[in-house]
């Protein structure tokens, strides 16, 4: 029974692995670019999680179809989580752009992107 549960939720295991890789990149790495890449991996895993939770098998978009009937909502998926994750993707791209702009500014001013060296040079 436990093996069937684990095998039946492969997507969630992959998403959890991506989440841990992103968290590791943000916490353990000393290079600020690697931290930013870790943050992007972390954000992507969260977006994938929400999309995976919102999807249903054998379901369609919420447009009334005469062959399915409009009375049974089990045949339709909720588009709201997918729409919100599309917004989250746009915010993620914007955050990444601002992050890289800040990294360029930090590198021009201090000449490094290593966290320890940067903290020494800031003092």
PDB file of N, CA and C in Angstrom:
ATOM      1  N   UNK A   1       0.819  -1.195   0.000  1.00  0.00           N
ATOM      2  CA  UNK A   1       0.000   0.000   0.000  1.00  0.00           C
ATOM      3  C   UNK A   1       0.862   1.258   0.000  1.00  0.00           C
ATOM      4  N   UNK A   2       1.920   1.290   0.794  1.00  0.00           N
ATOM      5  CA  UNK A   2       2.777   2.470   0.842  1.00  0.00           C
ATOM      6  C   UNK A   2       3.532   2.664  -0.464  1.00  0.00           C
ATOM      7  N   UNK A   3       3.966   1.592  -1.083  1.00  0.00           N
ATOM      8  CA  UNK A   3       4.684   1.693  -2.349  1.00  0.00           C
ATOM      9  C   UNK A   3       3.757   2.223  -3.432  1.00  0.00           C
ATOM     10  N   UNK A   4       2.501   1.795  -3.418  1.00  0.00           N
ATOM     11  CA  UNK A   4       1.537   2.306  -4.388  1.00  0.00           C
ATOM     12  C   UNK A   4       1.302   3.795  -4.182  1.00  0.00           C
ATOM     13  N   UNK A   5       1.254   4.221  -2.938  1.00  0.00           N
ATOM     14  CA  UNK A   5       1.073   5.645  -2.644  1.00  0.00           C
ATOM     15  C   UNK A   5       2.257   6.454  -3.153  1.00  0.00           C
ATOM     16  N   UNK A   6       3.466   5.961  -2.883  1.00  0.00           N
ATOM     17  CA  UNK A   6       4.665   6.670  -3.331  1.00  0.00           C
ATOM     18  C   UNK A   6       4.740   6.694  -4.854  1.00  0.00           C
ATOM     19  N   UNK A   7       4.467   5.576  -5.491  1.00  0.00           N
ATOM     20  CA  UNK A   7       4.533   5.499  -6.950  1.00  0.00           C
ATOM     21  C   UNK A   7       3.423   6.307  -7.615  1.00  0.00           C
ATOM     22  N   UNK A   8       2.312   6.447  -6.950  1.00  0.00           N
ATOM     23  CA  UNK A   8       1.183   7.180  -7.521  1.00  0.00           C
ATOM     24  C   UNK A   8       1.327   8.681  -7.445  1.00  0.00           C
ATOM     25  N   UNK A   9       2.294   9.150  -6.701  1.00  0.00           N
ATOM     26  CA  UNK A   9       2.481  10.589  -6.528  1.00  0.00           C
ATOM     27  C   UNK A   9       3.868  11.021  -6.999  1.00  0.00           C
ATOM     28  N   UNK A  10       4.304  10.497  -8.134  1.00  0.00           N
ATOM     29  CA  UNK A  10       5.636  10.820  -8.649  1.00  0.00           C
ATOM     30  C   UNK A  10       5.833  12.309  -8.880  1.00  0.00           C
ATOM     31  N   UNK A  11       4.816  12.970  -9.399  1.00  0.00           N
ATOM     32  CA  UNK A  11       4.921  14.391  -9.690  1.00  0.00           C
ATOM     33  C   UNK A  11       5.201  15.193  -8.423  1.00  0.00           C
ATOM     34  N   UNK A  12       4.558  14.835  -7.332  1.00  0.00           N
ATOM     35  CA  UNK A  12       4.773  15.561  -6.080  1.00  0.00           C
ATOM     36  C   UNK A  12       6.170  15.315  -5.522  1.00  0.00           C
ATOM     37  N   UNK A  13       6.719  14.127  -5.741  1.00  0.00           N
ATOM     38  CA  UNK A  13       8.086  13.852  -5.303  1.00  0.00           C
ATOM     39  C   UNK A  13       9.083  14.675  -6.105  1.00  0.00           C
ATOM     40  N   UNK A  14       8.848  14.798  -7.402  1.00  0.00           N
ATOM     41  CA  UNK A  14       9.737  15.606  -8.248  1.00  0.00           C
ATOM     42  C   UNK A  14       9.652  17.072  -7.857  1.00  0.00           C
ATOM     43  N   UNK A  15       8.454  17.549  -7.592  1.00  0.00           N
ATOM     44  CA  UNK A  15       8.280  18.935  -7.162  1.00  0.00           C
ATOM     45  C   UNK A  15       8.962  19.160  -5.824  1.00  0.00           C
ATOM     46  N   UNK A  16       8.847  18.213  -4.907  1.00  0.00           N
ATOM     47  CA  UNK A  16       9.523  18.338  -3.603  1.00  0.00           C
ATOM     48  C   UNK A  16      11.032  18.356  -3.765  1.00  0.00           C
ATOM     49  N   UNK A  17      11.549  17.555  -4.679  1.00  0.00           N
ATOM     50  CA  UNK A  17      12.986  17.546  -4.942  1.00  0.00           C
ATOM     51  C   UNK A  17      13.440  18.893  -5.509  1.00  0.00           C
ATOM     52  N   UNK A  18      12.671  19.452  -6.438  1.00  0.00           N
ATOM     53  CA  UNK A  18      12.994  20.779  -6.969  1.00  0.00           C
ATOM     54  C   UNK A  18      12.961  21.832  -5.876  1.00  0.00           C
ATOM     55  N   UNK A  19      11.981  21.750  -4.987  1.00  0.00           N
ATOM     56  CA  UNK A  19      11.880  22.696  -3.887  1.00  0.00           C
ATOM     57  C   UNK A  19      13.110  22.622  -2.989  1.00  0.00           C
ATOM     58  N   UNK A  20      13.562  21.403  -2.697  1.00  0.00           N
ATOM     59  CA  UNK A  20      14.738  21.236  -1.847  1.00  0.00           C
ATOM     60  C   UNK A  20      16.015  21.709  -2.540  1.00  0.00           C
ATOM     61  N   UNK A  21      16.114  21.484  -3.846  1.00  0.00           N
ATOM     62  CA  UNK A  21      17.283  21.967  -4.594  1.00  0.00           C
ATOM     63  C   UNK A  21      17.325  23.492  -4.570  1.00  0.00           C
ATOM     64  N   UNK A  22      16.184  24.129  -4.786  1.00  0.00           N
ATOM     65  CA  UNK A  22      16.124  25.586  -4.737  1.00  0.00           C
ATOM     66  C   UNK A  22      16.433  26.137  -3.355  1.00  0.00           C
ATOM     67  N   UNK A  23      15.908  25.497  -2.331  1.00  0.00           N
ATOM     68  CA  UNK A  23      16.182  25.927  -0.961  1.00  0.00           C
ATOM     69  C   UNK A  23      17.658  25.766  -0.623  1.00  0.00           C
ATOM     70  N   UNK A  24      18.248  24.658  -1.064  1.00  0.00           N
ATOM     71  CA  UNK A  24      19.682  24.439  -0.861  1.00  0.00           C
ATOM     72  C   UNK A  24      20.500  25.519  -1.565  1.00  0.00           C
ATOM     73  N   UNK A  25      20.104  25.862  -2.782  1.00  0.00           N
ATOM     74  CA  UNK A  25      20.820  26.896  -3.526  1.00  0.00           C
ATOM     75  C   UNK A  25      20.742  28.249  -2.854  1.00  0.00           C
ATOM     76  N   UNK A  26      19.615  28.553  -2.244  1.00  0.00           N
ATOM     77  CA  UNK A  26      19.474  29.851  -1.581  1.00  0.00           C
ATOM     78  C   UNK A  26      20.230  29.908  -0.256  1.00  0.00           C
ATOM     79  N   UNK A  27      20.264  28.800   0.473  1.00  0.00           N
ATOM     80  CA  UNK A  27      20.854  28.827   1.808  1.00  0.00           C
ATOM     81  C   UNK A  27      22.332  28.455   1.846  1.00  0.00           C
ATOM     82  N   UNK A  28      22.765  27.529   1.014  1.00  0.00           N
ATOM     83  CA  UNK A  28      24.113  26.987   1.150  1.00  0.00           C
ATOM     84  C   UNK A  28      25.140  27.666   0.254  1.00  0.00           C
ATOM     85  N   UNK A  29      24.736  28.219  -0.859  1.00  0.00           N
ATOM     86  CA  UNK A  29      25.689  28.805  -1.791  1.00  0.00           C
ATOM     87  C   UNK A  29      26.109  30.194  -1.337  1.00  0.00           C
ATOM     88  N   UNK A  30      27.335  30.560  -1.644  1.00  0.00           N
ATOM     89  CA  UNK A  30      27.871  31.863  -1.254  1.00  0.00           C
ATOM     90  C   UNK A  30      27.852  32.861  -2.406  1.00  0.00           C
ATOM     91  N   UNK A  31      27.753  32.386  -3.642  1.00  0.00           N
ATOM     92  CA  UNK A  31      27.702  33.265  -4.800  1.00  0.00           C
ATOM     93  C   UNK A  31      26.277  33.785  -4.956  1.00  0.00           C
ATOM     94  N   UNK A  32      26.132  35.092  -5.141  1.00  0.00           N
ATOM     95  CA  UNK A  32      24.799  35.692  -5.201  1.00  0.00           C
ATOM     96  C   UNK A  32      24.032  35.281  -6.459  1.00  0.00           C
ATOM     97  N   UNK A  33      24.734  35.004  -7.553  1.00  0.00           N
ATOM     98  CA  UNK A  33      24.055  34.538  -8.760  1.00  0.00           C
ATOM     99  C   UNK A  33      23.457  33.153  -8.514  1.00  0.00           C
ATOM    100  N   UNK A  34      24.210  32.303  -7.835  1.00  0.00           N
ATOM    101  CA  UNK A  34      23.699  30.965  -7.522  1.00  0.00           C
ATOM    102  C   UNK A  34      22.512  31.039  -6.573  1.00  0.00           C
ATOM    103  N   UNK A  35      22.533  32.002  -5.665  1.00  0.00           N
ATOM    104  CA  UNK A  35      21.385  32.196  -4.779  1.00  0.00           C
ATOM    105  C   UNK A  35      20.148  32.623  -5.570  1.00  0.00           C
ATOM    106  N   UNK A  36      20.354  33.487  -6.563  1.00  0.00           N
ATOM    107  CA  UNK A  36      19.239  33.933  -7.390  1.00  0.00           C
ATOM    108  C   UNK A  36      18.692  32.787  -8.242  1.00  0.00           C
ATOM    109  N   UNK A  37      19.565  31.966  -8.773  1.00  0.00           N
ATOM    110  CA  UNK A  37      19.120  30.792  -9.532  1.00  0.00           C
ATOM    111  C   UNK A  37      18.363  29.828  -8.610  1.00  0.00           C
ATOM    112  N   UNK A  38      18.851  29.641  -7.389  1.00  0.00           N
ATOM    113  CA  UNK A  38      18.141  28.809  -6.413  1.00  0.00           C
ATOM    114  C   UNK A  38      16.757  29.350  -6.103  1.00  0.00           C
ATOM    115  N   UNK A  39      16.650  30.683  -6.011  1.00  0.00           N
ATOM    116  CA  UNK A  39      15.349  31.290  -5.760  1.00  0.00           C
ATOM    117  C   UNK A  39      14.394  31.022  -6.929  1.00  0.00           C
ATOM    118  N   UNK A  40      14.910  31.077  -8.157  1.00  0.00           N
ATOM    119  CA  UNK A  40      14.072  30.795  -9.323  1.00  0.00           C
ATOM    120  C   UNK A  40      13.611  29.343  -9.342  1.00  0.00           C
ATOM    121  N   UNK A  41      14.490  28.425  -8.993  1.00  0.00           N
ATOM    122  CA  UNK A  41      14.105  27.008  -8.929  1.00  0.00           C
ATOM    123  C   UNK A  41      13.037  26.806  -7.852  1.00  0.00           C
ATOM    124  N   UNK A  42      13.199  27.466  -6.728  1.00  0.00           N
ATOM    125  CA  UNK A  42      12.229  27.386  -5.634  1.00  0.00           C
ATOM    126  C   UNK A  42      10.865  27.918  -6.084  1.00  0.00           C
ATOM    127  N   UNK A  43      10.863  29.087  -6.743  1.00  0.00           N
ATOM    128  CA  UNK A  43       9.607  29.660  -7.227  1.00  0.00           C
ATOM    129  C   UNK A  43       8.944  28.756  -8.258  1.00  0.00           C
ATOM    130  N   UNK A  44       9.740  28.185  -9.148  1.00  0.00           N
ATOM    131  CA  UNK A  44       9.192  27.304 -10.174  1.00  0.00           C
ATOM    132  C   UNK A  44       8.561  26.065  -9.558  1.00  0.00           C
ATOM    133  N   UNK A  45       9.181  25.526  -8.527  1.00  0.00           N
ATOM    134  CA  UNK A  45       8.607  24.340  -7.885  1.00  0.00           C
ATOM    135  C   UNK A  45       7.272  24.662  -7.219  1.00  0.00           C
ATOM    136  N   UNK A  46       7.157  25.834  -6.650  1.00  0.00           N
ATOM    137  CA  UNK A  46       5.886  26.220  -6.025  1.00  0.00           C
ATOM    138  C   UNK A  46       4.803  26.408  -7.087  1.00  0.00           C
ATOM    139  N   UNK A  47       5.159  27.015  -8.202  1.00  0.00           N
ATOM    140  CA  UNK A  47       4.202  27.189  -9.294  1.00  0.00           C
ATOM    141  C   UNK A  47       3.761  25.827  -9.827  1.00  0.00           C
ATOM    142  N   UNK A  48       4.706  24.913 -10.020  1.00  0.00           N
ATOM    143  CA  UNK A  48       4.365  23.568 -10.481  1.00  0.00           C
ATOM    144  C   UNK A  48       3.461  22.844  -9.486  1.00  0.00           C
ATOM    145  N   UNK A  49       3.703  23.057  -8.194  1.00  0.00           N
ATOM    146  CA  UNK A  49       2.856  22.428  -7.179  1.00  0.00           C
ATOM    147  C   UNK A  49       1.409  22.900  -7.300  1.00  0.00           C
ATOM    148  N   UNK A  50       1.204  24.196  -7.413  1.00  0.00           N
ATOM    149  CA  UNK A  50      -0.156  24.712  -7.523  1.00  0.00           C
ATOM    150  C   UNK A  50      -0.847  24.230  -8.795  1.00  0.00           C
ATOM    151  N   UNK A  51      -0.112  24.149  -9.892  1.00  0.00           N
ATOM    152  CA  UNK A  51      -0.708  23.661 -11.133  1.00  0.00           C
ATOM    153  C   UNK A  51      -1.044  22.176 -11.011  1.00  0.00           C
ATOM    154  N   UNK A  52      -0.170  21.410 -10.362  1.00  0.00           N
ATOM    155  CA  UNK A  52      -0.430  19.973 -10.189  1.00  0.00           C
ATOM    156  C   UNK A  52      -1.643  19.732  -9.301  1.00  0.00           C
ATOM    157  N   UNK A  53      -1.797  20.531  -8.264  1.00  0.00           N
ATOM    158  CA  UNK A  53      -2.939  20.369  -7.364  1.00  0.00           C
ATOM    159  C   UNK A  53      -4.241  20.737  -8.079  1.00  0.00           C
ATOM    160  N   UNK A  54      -4.193  21.722  -8.966  1.00  0.00           N
ATOM    161  CA  UNK A  54      -5.418  22.211  -9.606  1.00  0.00           C
ATOM    162  C   UNK A  54      -5.850  21.373 -10.804  1.00  0.00           C
ATOM    163  N   UNK A  55      -5.010  20.459 -11.262  1.00  0.00           N
ATOM    164  CA  UNK A  55      -5.383  19.695 -12.455  1.00  0.00           C
ATOM    165  C   UNK A  55      -6.210  18.461 -12.071  1.00  0.00           C
ATOM    166  N   UNK A  56      -7.079  18.052 -12.997  1.00  0.00           N
ATOM    167  CA  UNK A  56      -7.910  16.858 -12.817  1.00  0.00           C
ATOM    168  C   UNK A  56      -7.832  16.020 -14.071  1.00  0.00           C
ATOM    169  N   UNK A  57      -7.896  14.721 -13.906  1.00  0.00           N
ATOM    170  CA  UNK A  57      -7.908  13.824 -15.065  1.00  0.00           C
ATOM    171  C   UNK A  57      -9.284  13.838 -15.714  1.00  0.00           C
ATOM    172  N   UNK A  58      -9.282  13.716 -17.021  1.00  0.00           N
ATOM    173  CA  UNK A  58     -10.508  13.657 -17.824  1.00  0.00           C
ATOM    174  C   UNK A  58     -11.418  14.858 -17.597  1.00  0.00           C
ATOM    175  N   UNK A  59     -10.816  16.016 -17.374  1.00  0.00           N
ATOM    176  CA  UNK A  59     -11.599  17.235 -17.196  1.00  0.00           C
ATOM    177  C   UNK A  59     -11.280  18.186 -18.344  1.00  0.00           C
ATOM    178  N   UNK A  60     -12.118  19.158 -18.533  1.00  0.00           N
ATOM    179  CA  UNK A  60     -11.934  20.117 -19.616  1.00  0.00           C
ATOM    180  C   UNK A  60     -12.096  21.529 -19.080  1.00  0.00           C
ATOM    181  N   UNK A  61     -11.888  22.499 -19.945  1.00  0.00           N
ATOM    182  CA  UNK A  61     -12.028  23.896 -19.556  1.00  0.00           C
ATOM    183  C   UNK A  61     -13.492  24.197 -19.248  1.00  0.00           C
ATOM    184  N   UNK A  62     -13.741  25.189 -18.424  1.00  0.00           N
ATOM    185  CA  UNK A  62     -15.119  25.462 -18.013  1.00  0.00           C
ATOM    186  C   UNK A  62     -15.919  26.231 -19.060  1.00  0.00           C
ATOM    187  N   UNK A  63     -16.076  25.612 -20.197  1.00  0.00           N
ATOM    188  CA  UNK A  63     -16.937  26.143 -21.249  1.00  0.00           C
ATOM    189  C   UNK A  63     -18.060  25.127 -21.424  1.00  0.00           C
ATOM    190  N   UNK A  64     -19.268  25.584 -21.418  1.00  0.00           N
ATOM    191  CA  UNK A  64     -20.403  24.667 -21.483  1.00  0.00           C
ATOM    192  C   UNK A  64     -20.350  23.865 -22.779  1.00  0.00           C
ATOM    193  N   UNK A  65     -20.347  22.564 -22.619  1.00  0.00           N
ATOM    194  CA  UNK A  65     -20.288  21.644 -23.752  1.00  0.00           C
ATOM    195  C   UNK A  65     -21.539  20.776 -23.721  1.00  0.00           C
ATOM    196  N   UNK A  66     -22.218  20.704 -24.826  1.00  0.00           N
ATOM    197  CA  UNK A  66     -23.469  19.944 -24.880  1.00  0.00           C
ATOM    198  C   UNK A  66     -23.236  18.452 -24.665  1.00  0.00           C
ATOM    199  N   UNK A  67     -22.068  17.942 -25.056  1.00  0.00           N
ATOM    200  CA  UNK A  67     -21.810  16.507 -24.892  1.00  0.00           C
ATOM    201  C   UNK A  67     -21.537  16.150 -23.435  1.00  0.00           C
ATOM    202  N   UNK A  68     -20.969  17.073 -22.663  1.00  0.00           N
ATOM    203  CA  UNK A  68     -20.681  16.796 -21.253  1.00  0.00           C
ATOM    204  C   UNK A  68     -21.846  17.164 -20.345  1.00  0.00           C
ATOM    205  N   UNK A  69     -22.592  18.139 -20.729  1.00  0.00           N
ATOM    206  CA  UNK A  69     -23.668  18.619 -19.871  1.00  0.00           C
ATOM    207  C   UNK A  69     -23.124  19.672 -18.922  1.00  0.00           C
ATOM    208  N   UNK A  70     -23.952  20.614 -18.609  1.00  0.00           N
ATOM    209  CA  UNK A  70     -23.477  21.711 -17.763  1.00  0.00           C
ATOM    210  C   UNK A  70     -23.816  21.516 -16.298  1.00  0.00           C
ATOM    211  N   UNK A  71     -24.559  20.485 -15.960  1.00  0.00           N
ATOM    212  CA  UNK A  71     -25.004  20.317 -14.582  1.00  0.00           C
ATOM    213  C   UNK A  71     -23.937  19.697 -13.679  1.00  0.00           C
ATOM    214  N   UNK A  72     -23.001  18.927 -14.236  1.00  0.00           N
ATOM    215  CA  UNK A  72     -22.018  18.226 -13.414  1.00  0.00           C
ATOM    216  C   UNK A  72     -20.681  18.980 -13.427  1.00  0.00           C
ATOM    217  N   UNK A  73     -20.351  19.676 -12.347  1.00  0.00           N
ATOM    218  CA  UNK A  73     -19.091  20.431 -12.322  1.00  0.00           C
ATOM    219  C   UNK A  73     -17.849  19.545 -12.216  1.00  0.00           C
ATOM    220  N   UNK A  74     -18.015  18.254 -12.013  1.00  0.00           N
ATOM    221  CA  UNK A  74     -16.862  17.361 -11.910  1.00  0.00           C
ATOM    222  C   UNK A  74     -16.140  17.195 -13.237  1.00  0.00           C
ATOM    223  N   UNK A  75     -16.809  17.559 -14.327  1.00  0.00           N
ATOM    224  CA  UNK A  75     -16.207  17.428 -15.655  1.00  0.00           C
ATOM    225  C   UNK A  75     -15.348  18.632 -16.031  1.00  0.00           C
ATOM    226  N   UNK A  76     -15.308  19.650 -15.179  1.00  0.00           N
ATOM    227  CA  UNK A  76     -14.587  20.880 -15.505  1.00  0.00           C
ATOM    228  C   UNK A  76     -13.488  21.139 -14.474  1.00  0.00           C
ATOM    229  N   UNK A  77     -12.445  21.832 -14.919  1.00  0.00           N
ATOM    230  CA  UNK A  77     -11.384  22.234 -13.990  1.00  0.00           C
ATOM    231  C   UNK A  77     -11.590  23.692 -13.600  1.00  0.00           C
ATOM    232  N   UNK A  78     -11.035  24.067 -12.487  1.00  0.00           N
ATOM    233  CA  UNK A  78     -11.097  25.440 -12.024  1.00  0.00           C
ATOM    234  C   UNK A  78      -9.950  26.215 -12.667  1.00  0.00           C
ATOM    235  N   UNK A  79     -10.218  27.236 -13.454  1.00  0.00           N
ATOM    236  CA  UNK A  79      -9.143  27.965 -14.129  1.00  0.00           C
ATOM    237  C   UNK A  79      -8.433  28.975 -13.236  1.00  0.00           C
ATOM    238  N   UNK A  80      -8.972  29.266 -12.063  1.00  0.00           N
ATOM    239  CA  UNK A  80      -8.394  30.300 -11.215  1.00  0.00           C
ATOM    240  C   UNK A  80      -6.955  29.995 -10.769  1.00  0.00           C
ATOM    241  N   UNK A  81      -6.634  28.783 -10.286  1.00  0.00           N
ATOM    242  CA  UNK A  81      -5.238  28.530  -9.903  1.00  0.00           C
ATOM    243  C   UNK A  81      -4.263  28.658 -11.074  1.00  0.00           C
ATOM    244  N   UNK A  82      -4.674  28.230 -12.259  1.00  0.00           N
ATOM    245  CA  UNK A  82      -3.809  28.355 -13.420  1.00  0.00           C
ATOM    246  C   UNK A  82      -3.593  29.824 -13.776  1.00  0.00           C
ATOM    247  N   UNK A  83      -4.641  30.617 -13.657  1.00  0.00           N
ATOM    248  CA  UNK A  83      -4.533  32.045 -13.930  1.00  0.00           C
ATOM    249  C   UNK A  83      -3.624  32.731 -12.921  1.00  0.00           C
ATOM    250  N   UNK A  84      -3.775  32.383 -11.663  1.00  0.00           N
ATOM    251  CA  UNK A  84      -2.925  32.979 -10.629  1.00  0.00           C
ATOM    252  C   UNK A  84      -1.463  32.575 -10.811  1.00  0.00           C
ATOM    253  N   UNK A  85      -1.218  31.364 -11.259  1.00  0.00           N
ATOM    254  CA  UNK A  85       0.165  30.928 -11.473  1.00  0.00           C
ATOM    255  C   UNK A  85       0.766  31.599 -12.697  1.00  0.00           C
ATOM    256  N   UNK A  86      -0.055  31.941 -13.674  1.00  0.00           N
ATOM    257  CA  UNK A  86       0.438  32.728 -14.795  1.00  0.00           C
ATOM    258  C   UNK A  86       0.904  34.092 -14.309  1.00  0.00           C
ATOM    259  N   UNK A  87       0.159  34.687 -13.408  1.00  0.00           N
ATOM    260  CA  UNK A  87       0.567  35.943 -12.785  1.00  0.00           C
ATOM    261  C   UNK A  87       1.842  35.747 -11.973  1.00  0.00           C
ATOM    262  N   UNK A  88       1.951  34.628 -11.271  1.00  0.00           N
ATOM    263  CA  UNK A  88       3.157  34.351 -10.486  1.00  0.00           C
ATOM    264  C   UNK A  88       4.379  34.187 -11.380  1.00  0.00           C
ATOM    265  N   UNK A  89       4.204  33.636 -12.565  1.00  0.00           N
ATOM    266  CA  UNK A  89       5.318  33.508 -13.505  1.00  0.00           C
ATOM    267  C   UNK A  89       5.797  34.889 -13.944  1.00  0.00           C
ATOM    268  N   UNK A  90       4.871  35.786 -14.215  1.00  0.00           N
ATOM    269  CA  UNK A  90       5.238  37.151 -14.609  1.00  0.00           C
ATOM    270  C   UNK A  90       5.972  37.847 -13.468  1.00  0.00           C
ATOM    271  N   UNK A  91       5.494  37.693 -12.251  1.00  0.00           N
ATOM    272  CA  UNK A  91       6.157  38.289 -11.088  1.00  0.00           C
ATOM    273  C   UNK A  91       7.542  37.678 -10.898  1.00  0.00           C
ATOM    274  N   UNK A  92       7.667  36.381 -11.126  1.00  0.00           N
ATOM    275  CA  UNK A  92       8.961  35.709 -10.997  1.00  0.00           C
ATOM    276  C   UNK A  92       9.973  36.238 -12.003  1.00  0.00           C
ATOM    277  N   UNK A  93       9.537  36.447 -13.237  1.00  0.00           N
ATOM    278  CA  UNK A  93      10.433  37.002 -14.261  1.00  0.00           C
ATOM    279  C   UNK A  93      10.846  38.418 -13.892  1.00  0.00           C
ATOM    280  N   UNK A  94       9.907  39.209 -13.408  1.00  0.00           N
ATOM    281  CA  UNK A  94      10.229  40.577 -12.998  1.00  0.00           C
ATOM    282  C   UNK A  94      11.189  40.584 -11.813  1.00  0.00           C
ATOM    283  N   UNK A  95      10.965  39.700 -10.852  1.00  0.00           N
ATOM    284  CA  UNK A  95      11.854  39.597  -9.695  1.00  0.00           C
ATOM    285  C   UNK A  95      13.256  39.194 -10.123  1.00  0.00           C
ATOM    286  N   UNK A  96      13.346  38.287 -11.056  1.00  0.00           N
ATOM    287  CA  UNK A  96      14.649  37.855 -11.557  1.00  0.00           C
ATOM    288  C   UNK A  96      15.361  38.998 -12.267  1.00  0.00           C
ATOM    289  N   UNK A  97      14.641  39.753 -13.057  1.00  0.00           N
ATOM    290  CA  UNK A  97      15.241  40.900 -13.743  1.00  0.00           C
ATOM    291  C   UNK A  97      15.765  41.942 -12.776  1.00  0.00           C
ATOM    292  N   UNK A  98      14.985  42.262 -11.764  1.00  0.00           N
ATOM    293  CA  UNK A  98      15.435  43.217 -10.745  1.00  0.00           C
ATOM    294  C   UNK A  98      16.620  42.653  -9.972  1.00  0.00           C
ATOM    295  N   UNK A  99      16.579  41.351  -9.681  1.00  0.00           N
ATOM    296  CA  UNK A  99      17.690  40.710  -8.971  1.00  0.00           C
ATOM    297  C   UNK A  99      18.990  40.781  -9.756  1.00  0.00           C
ATOM    298  N   UNK A 100      18.922  40.490 -11.060  1.00  0.00           N
ATOM    299  CA  UNK A 100      20.129  40.575 -11.882  1.00  0.00           C
ATOM    300  C   UNK A 100      20.617  42.012 -12.014  1.00  0.00           C
ATOM    301  N   UNK A 101      19.699  42.976 -12.095  1.00  0.00           N
ATOM    302  CA  UNK A 101      20.108  44.384 -12.147  1.00  0.00           C
ATOM    303  C   UNK A 101      20.832  44.777 -10.856  1.00  0.00           C
ATOM    304  N   UNK A 102      20.320  44.317  -9.719  1.00  0.00           N
ATOM    305  CA  UNK A 102      20.994  44.601  -8.445  1.00  0.00           C
ATOM    306  C   UNK A 102      22.354  43.918  -8.371  1.00  0.00           C
ATOM    307  N   UNK A 103      22.454  42.697  -8.898  1.00  0.00           N
ATOM    308  CA  UNK A 103      23.734  41.989  -8.893  1.00  0.00           C
ATOM    309  C   UNK A 103      24.765  42.706  -9.760  1.00  0.00           C
ATOM    310  N   UNK A 104      24.338  43.237 -10.884  1.00  0.00           N
ATOM    311  CA  UNK A 104      25.256  44.006 -11.729  1.00  0.00           C
ATOM    312  C   UNK A 104      25.735  45.246 -10.998  1.00  0.00           C
ATOM    313  N   UNK A 105      24.822  45.921 -10.320  1.00  0.00           N
ATOM    314  CA  UNK A 105      25.187  47.109  -9.545  1.00  0.00           C
ATOM    315  C   UNK A 105      26.140  46.761  -8.398  1.00  0.00           C
ATOM    316  N   UNK A 106      25.877  45.671  -7.720  1.00  0.00           N
ATOM    317  CA  UNK A 106      26.756  45.231  -6.627  1.00  0.00           C
ATOM    318  C   UNK A 106      28.136  44.885  -7.159  1.00  0.00           C
ATOM    319  N   UNK A 107      28.191  44.191  -8.290  1.00  0.00           N
ATOM    320  CA  UNK A 107      29.481  43.808  -8.851  1.00  0.00           C
ATOM    321  C   UNK A 107      30.272  45.033  -9.308  1.00  0.00           C
ATOM    322  N   UNK A 108      29.604  46.001  -9.892  1.00  0.00           N
ATOM    323  CA  UNK A 108      30.307  47.227 -10.330  1.00  0.00           C
ATOM    324  C   UNK A 108      30.846  48.021  -9.141  1.00  0.00           C
ATOM    325  N   UNK A 109      30.119  48.010  -8.050  1.00  0.00           N
ATOM    326  CA  UNK A 109      30.554  48.804  -6.896  1.00  0.00           C
ATOM    327  C   UNK A 109      31.609  48.094  -6.058  1.00  0.00           C
ATOM    328  N   UNK A 110      31.440  46.790  -5.817  1.00  0.00           N
ATOM    329  CA  UNK A 110      32.320  46.072  -4.906  1.00  0.00           C
ATOM    330  C   UNK A 110      33.270  45.101  -5.599  1.00  0.00           C
ATOM    331  N   UNK A 111      33.051  44.803  -6.861  1.00  0.00           N
ATOM    332  CA  UNK A 111      33.947  43.935  -7.606  1.00  0.00           C
ATOM    333  C   UNK A 111      33.852  42.458  -7.286  1.00  0.00           C
ATOM    334  N   UNK A 112      32.809  42.048  -6.602  1.00  0.00           N
ATOM    335  CA  UNK A 112      32.636  40.634  -6.268  1.00  0.00           C
ATOM    336  C   UNK A 112      31.164  40.305  -6.103  1.00  0.00           C
ATOM    337  N   UNK A 113      30.856  39.033  -6.250  1.00  0.00           N
ATOM    338  CA  UNK A 113      29.511  38.537  -5.971  1.00  0.00           C
ATOM    339  C   UNK A 113      29.537  37.450  -4.902  1.00  0.00           C
ATOM    340  N   UNK A 114      30.696  37.254  -4.289  1.00  0.00           N
ATOM    341  CA  UNK A 114      30.825  36.303  -3.191  1.00  0.00           C
ATOM    342  C   UNK A 114      30.322  36.968  -1.911  1.00  0.00           C
ATOM    343  N   UNK A 115      29.467  36.285  -1.201  1.00  0.00           N
ATOM    344  CA  UNK A 115      28.799  36.879  -0.035  1.00  0.00           C
ATOM    345  C   UNK A 115      29.775  37.269   1.072  1.00  0.00           C
ATOM    346  N   UNK A 116      30.709  36.398   1.389  1.00  0.00           N
ATOM    347  CA  UNK A 116      31.660  36.694   2.462  1.00  0.00           C
ATOM    348  C   UNK A 116      32.569  37.860   2.107  1.00  0.00           C
ATOM    349  N   UNK A 117      33.091  37.858   0.881  1.00  0.00           N
ATOM    350  CA  UNK A 117      33.961  38.952   0.435  1.00  0.00           C
ATOM    351  C   UNK A 117      33.179  40.254   0.383  1.00  0.00           C
ATOM    352  N   UNK A 118      31.952  40.180  -0.066  1.00  0.00           N
ATOM    353  CA  UNK A 118      31.111  41.376  -0.156  1.00  0.00           C
ATOM    354  C   UNK A 118      30.870  41.984   1.217  1.00  0.00           C
ATOM    355  N   UNK A 119      30.586  41.130   2.201  1.00  0.00           N
ATOM    356  CA  UNK A 119      30.354  41.648   3.561  1.00  0.00           C
ATOM    357  C   UNK A 119      31.617  42.285   4.131  1.00  0.00           C
ATOM    358  N   UNK A 120      32.792  41.735   3.831  1.00  0.00           N
ATOM    359  CA  UNK A 120      34.052  42.342   4.293  1.00  0.00           C
ATOM    360  C   UNK A 120      34.300  43.685   3.638  1.00  0.00           C
ATOM    361  N   UNK A 121      34.018  43.772   2.341  1.00  0.00           N
ATOM    362  CA  UNK A 121      34.246  45.027   1.624  1.00  0.00           C
ATOM    363  C   UNK A 121      33.240  46.093   1.976  1.00  0.00           C
ATOM    364  N   UNK A 122      32.074  45.721   2.453  1.00  0.00           N
ATOM    365  CA  UNK A 122      31.057  46.701   2.837  1.00  0.00           C
ATOM    366  C   UNK A 122      31.381  47.359   4.171  1.00  0.00           C
ATOM    367  N   UNK A 123      32.195  46.710   4.975  1.00  0.00           N
ATOM    368  CA  UNK A 123      32.528  47.265   6.299  1.00  0.00           C
ATOM    369  C   UNK A 123      33.592  48.276   6.212  1.00  0.00           C
TER     370      UNK A 123
END
